[in-house]
């Protein structure tokens, strides 16, 4: 999940940070759930489908505690943060 070690808790921003975190988690949970409903191992459409296939393979081999939906959710958020950090200089120039 999101790491809050760089935020000062007790500040007025706490509620906003937690609200945004919950919104992100809820959104990605709904996206993952939609992918799970329409999942077809013969037609992997994107990153989420590939990870869902890995989850299925891990469950078959007993590694489901390592590869799971929570890790998928965290991974998606990390990719988003990395993307935003890479385009931040472009955003700041605009």
C-alpha atoms as a PDB file:
ATOM      1  CA  UNK A   1       0.000   0.000   0.000  1.00  0.00           C
ATOM      2  CA  UNK A   2       0.987   3.621   0.053  1.00  0.00           C
ATOM      3  CA  UNK A   3       3.838   4.587   2.326  1.00  0.00           C
ATOM      4  CA  UNK A   4       3.247   7.560   4.605  1.00  0.00           C
ATOM      5  CA  UNK A   5       6.659   7.718   6.261  1.00  0.00           C
ATOM      6  CA  UNK A   6       7.427  11.131   4.728  1.00  0.00           C
ATOM      7  CA  UNK A   7       4.235  12.785   5.959  1.00  0.00           C
ATOM      8  CA  UNK A   8       3.929  14.452   9.336  1.00  0.00           C
ATOM      9  CA  UNK A   9       0.899  12.958  11.005  1.00  0.00           C
ATOM     10  CA  UNK A  10      -1.112  15.156  13.234  1.00  0.00           C
ATOM     11  CA  UNK A  11      -1.197  17.861  10.587  1.00  0.00           C
ATOM     12  CA  UNK A  12      -4.334  19.120   8.897  1.00  0.00           C
ATOM     13  CA  UNK A  13      -3.420  17.154   5.760  1.00  0.00           C
ATOM     14  CA  UNK A  14      -3.884  13.755   7.423  1.00  0.00           C
ATOM     15  CA  UNK A  15      -7.545  13.408   6.555  1.00  0.00           C
ATOM     16  CA  UNK A  16      -6.912  14.482   2.966  1.00  0.00           C
ATOM     17  CA  UNK A  17      -4.071  11.971   2.524  1.00  0.00           C
ATOM     18  CA  UNK A  18      -6.144   9.147   3.953  1.00  0.00           C
ATOM     19  CA  UNK A  19      -9.156  10.152   1.837  1.00  0.00           C
ATOM     20  CA  UNK A  20      -7.084  10.126  -1.361  1.00  0.00           C
ATOM     21  CA  UNK A  21      -5.486   6.813  -0.385  1.00  0.00           C
ATOM     22  CA  UNK A  22      -8.916   5.260   0.142  1.00  0.00           C
ATOM     23  CA  UNK A  23     -10.150   6.629  -3.197  1.00  0.00           C
ATOM     24  CA  UNK A  24      -7.134   5.157  -5.005  1.00  0.00           C
ATOM     25  CA  UNK A  25      -7.570   1.796  -3.315  1.00  0.00           C
ATOM     26  CA  UNK A  26     -11.315   1.740  -4.046  1.00  0.00           C
ATOM     27  CA  UNK A  27     -10.775   2.706  -7.682  1.00  0.00           C
ATOM     28  CA  UNK A  28      -8.095   0.116  -8.356  1.00  0.00           C
ATOM     29  CA  UNK A  29     -10.080  -2.532  -6.487  1.00  0.00           C
ATOM     30  CA  UNK A  30     -13.015  -1.926  -8.831  1.00  0.00           C
ATOM     31  CA  UNK A  31     -10.758  -2.037 -11.912  1.00  0.00           C
ATOM     32  CA  UNK A  32      -9.196  -5.311 -10.738  1.00  0.00           C
ATOM     33  CA  UNK A  33     -12.627  -6.789  -9.952  1.00  0.00           C
ATOM     34  CA  UNK A  34     -13.826  -5.914 -13.469  1.00  0.00           C
ATOM     35  CA  UNK A  35     -10.761  -7.607 -14.939  1.00  0.00           C
ATOM     36  CA  UNK A  36     -11.358 -10.686 -12.784  1.00  0.00           C
ATOM     37  CA  UNK A  37     -14.938 -10.969 -14.098  1.00  0.00           C
ATOM     38  CA  UNK A  38     -13.848 -10.779 -17.744  1.00  0.00           C
ATOM     39  CA  UNK A  39     -10.515 -12.601 -17.400  1.00  0.00           C
ATOM     40  CA  UNK A  40      -9.604 -14.902 -20.277  1.00  0.00           C
ATOM     41  CA  UNK A  41      -6.198 -16.612 -19.996  1.00  0.00           C
ATOM     42  CA  UNK A  42      -6.096 -16.939 -23.790  1.00  0.00           C
ATOM     43  CA  UNK A  43      -6.514 -13.177 -24.282  1.00  0.00           C
ATOM     44  CA  UNK A  44      -4.295 -11.200 -21.899  1.00  0.00           C
ATOM     45  CA  UNK A  45      -5.217  -7.566 -22.577  1.00  0.00           C
ATOM     46  CA  UNK A  46      -2.943  -5.607 -20.269  1.00  0.00           C
ATOM     47  CA  UNK A  47      -0.765  -5.533 -17.159  1.00  0.00           C
ATOM     48  CA  UNK A  48      -3.653  -6.439 -14.868  1.00  0.00           C
ATOM     49  CA  UNK A  49      -4.551  -9.538 -16.893  1.00  0.00           C
ATOM     50  CA  UNK A  50      -0.915 -10.663 -16.932  1.00  0.00           C
ATOM     51  CA  UNK A  51      -0.721 -10.258 -13.145  1.00  0.00           C
ATOM     52  CA  UNK A  52      -4.029 -12.125 -12.703  1.00  0.00           C
ATOM     53  CA  UNK A  53      -2.530 -14.970 -14.732  1.00  0.00           C
ATOM     54  CA  UNK A  54       0.489 -14.917 -12.400  1.00  0.00           C
ATOM     55  CA  UNK A  55      -1.883 -15.057  -9.415  1.00  0.00           C
ATOM     56  CA  UNK A  56      -3.565 -18.139 -10.897  1.00  0.00           C
ATOM     57  CA  UNK A  57      -0.224 -19.830 -11.558  1.00  0.00           C
ATOM     58  CA  UNK A  58       1.015 -18.956  -8.071  1.00  0.00           C
ATOM     59  CA  UNK A  59      -2.125 -20.430  -6.516  1.00  0.00           C
ATOM     60  CA  UNK A  60      -1.507 -23.655  -8.418  1.00  0.00           C
ATOM     61  CA  UNK A  61       2.071 -23.847  -7.124  1.00  0.00           C
ATOM     62  CA  UNK A  62       1.366 -22.722  -3.541  1.00  0.00           C
ATOM     63  CA  UNK A  63       2.857 -19.206  -3.783  1.00  0.00           C
ATOM     64  CA  UNK A  64      -0.425 -17.341  -3.451  1.00  0.00           C
ATOM     65  CA  UNK A  65       0.746 -15.554  -0.297  1.00  0.00           C
ATOM     66  CA  UNK A  66       3.361 -13.693  -2.378  1.00  0.00           C
ATOM     67  CA  UNK A  67       1.443 -13.035  -5.581  1.00  0.00           C
ATOM     68  CA  UNK A  68      -2.034 -11.742  -4.759  1.00  0.00           C
ATOM     69  CA  UNK A  69      -4.539  -8.991  -5.515  1.00  0.00           C
ATOM     70  CA  UNK A  70      -3.265  -6.715  -2.728  1.00  0.00           C
ATOM     71  CA  UNK A  71       0.221  -6.819  -4.223  1.00  0.00           C
ATOM     72  CA  UNK A  72      -1.281  -6.104  -7.647  1.00  0.00           C
ATOM     73  CA  UNK A  73      -3.053  -3.067  -6.235  1.00  0.00           C
ATOM     74  CA  UNK A  74       0.144  -1.780  -4.627  1.00  0.00           C
ATOM     75  CA  UNK A  75       2.087  -2.424  -7.807  1.00  0.00           C
ATOM     76  CA  UNK A  76      -0.369  -0.399  -9.898  1.00  0.00           C
ATOM     77  CA  UNK A  77      -0.159   2.518  -7.486  1.00  0.00           C
ATOM     78  CA  UNK A  78       3.653   2.360  -7.578  1.00  0.00           C
ATOM     79  CA  UNK A  79       3.638   2.436 -11.383  1.00  0.00           C
ATOM     80  CA  UNK A  80       1.337   5.475 -11.306  1.00  0.00           C
ATOM     81  CA  UNK A  81       3.601   7.277  -8.849  1.00  0.00           C
ATOM     82  CA  UNK A  82       6.693   6.475 -10.935  1.00  0.00           C
ATOM     83  CA  UNK A  83       4.951   7.747 -14.071  1.00  0.00           C
ATOM     84  CA  UNK A  84       3.887  10.970 -12.376  1.00  0.00           C
ATOM     85  CA  UNK A  85       7.390  11.501 -10.990  1.00  0.00           C
ATOM     86  CA  UNK A  86       8.865  11.113 -14.484  1.00  0.00           C
ATOM     87  CA  UNK A  87       6.478  13.601 -16.063  1.00  0.00           C
ATOM     88  CA  UNK A  88       6.617  16.049 -13.155  1.00  0.00           C
ATOM     89  CA  UNK A  89       9.223  18.274 -14.894  1.00  0.00           C
ATOM     90  CA  UNK A  90       6.901  18.446 -17.902  1.00  0.00           C
ATOM     91  CA  UNK A  91       3.941  19.316 -15.677  1.00  0.00           C
ATOM     92  CA  UNK A  92       5.940  22.022 -13.898  1.00  0.00           C
ATOM     93  CA  UNK A  93       6.957  23.611 -17.233  1.00  0.00           C
ATOM     94  CA  UNK A  94       3.341  23.842 -18.396  1.00  0.00           C
END
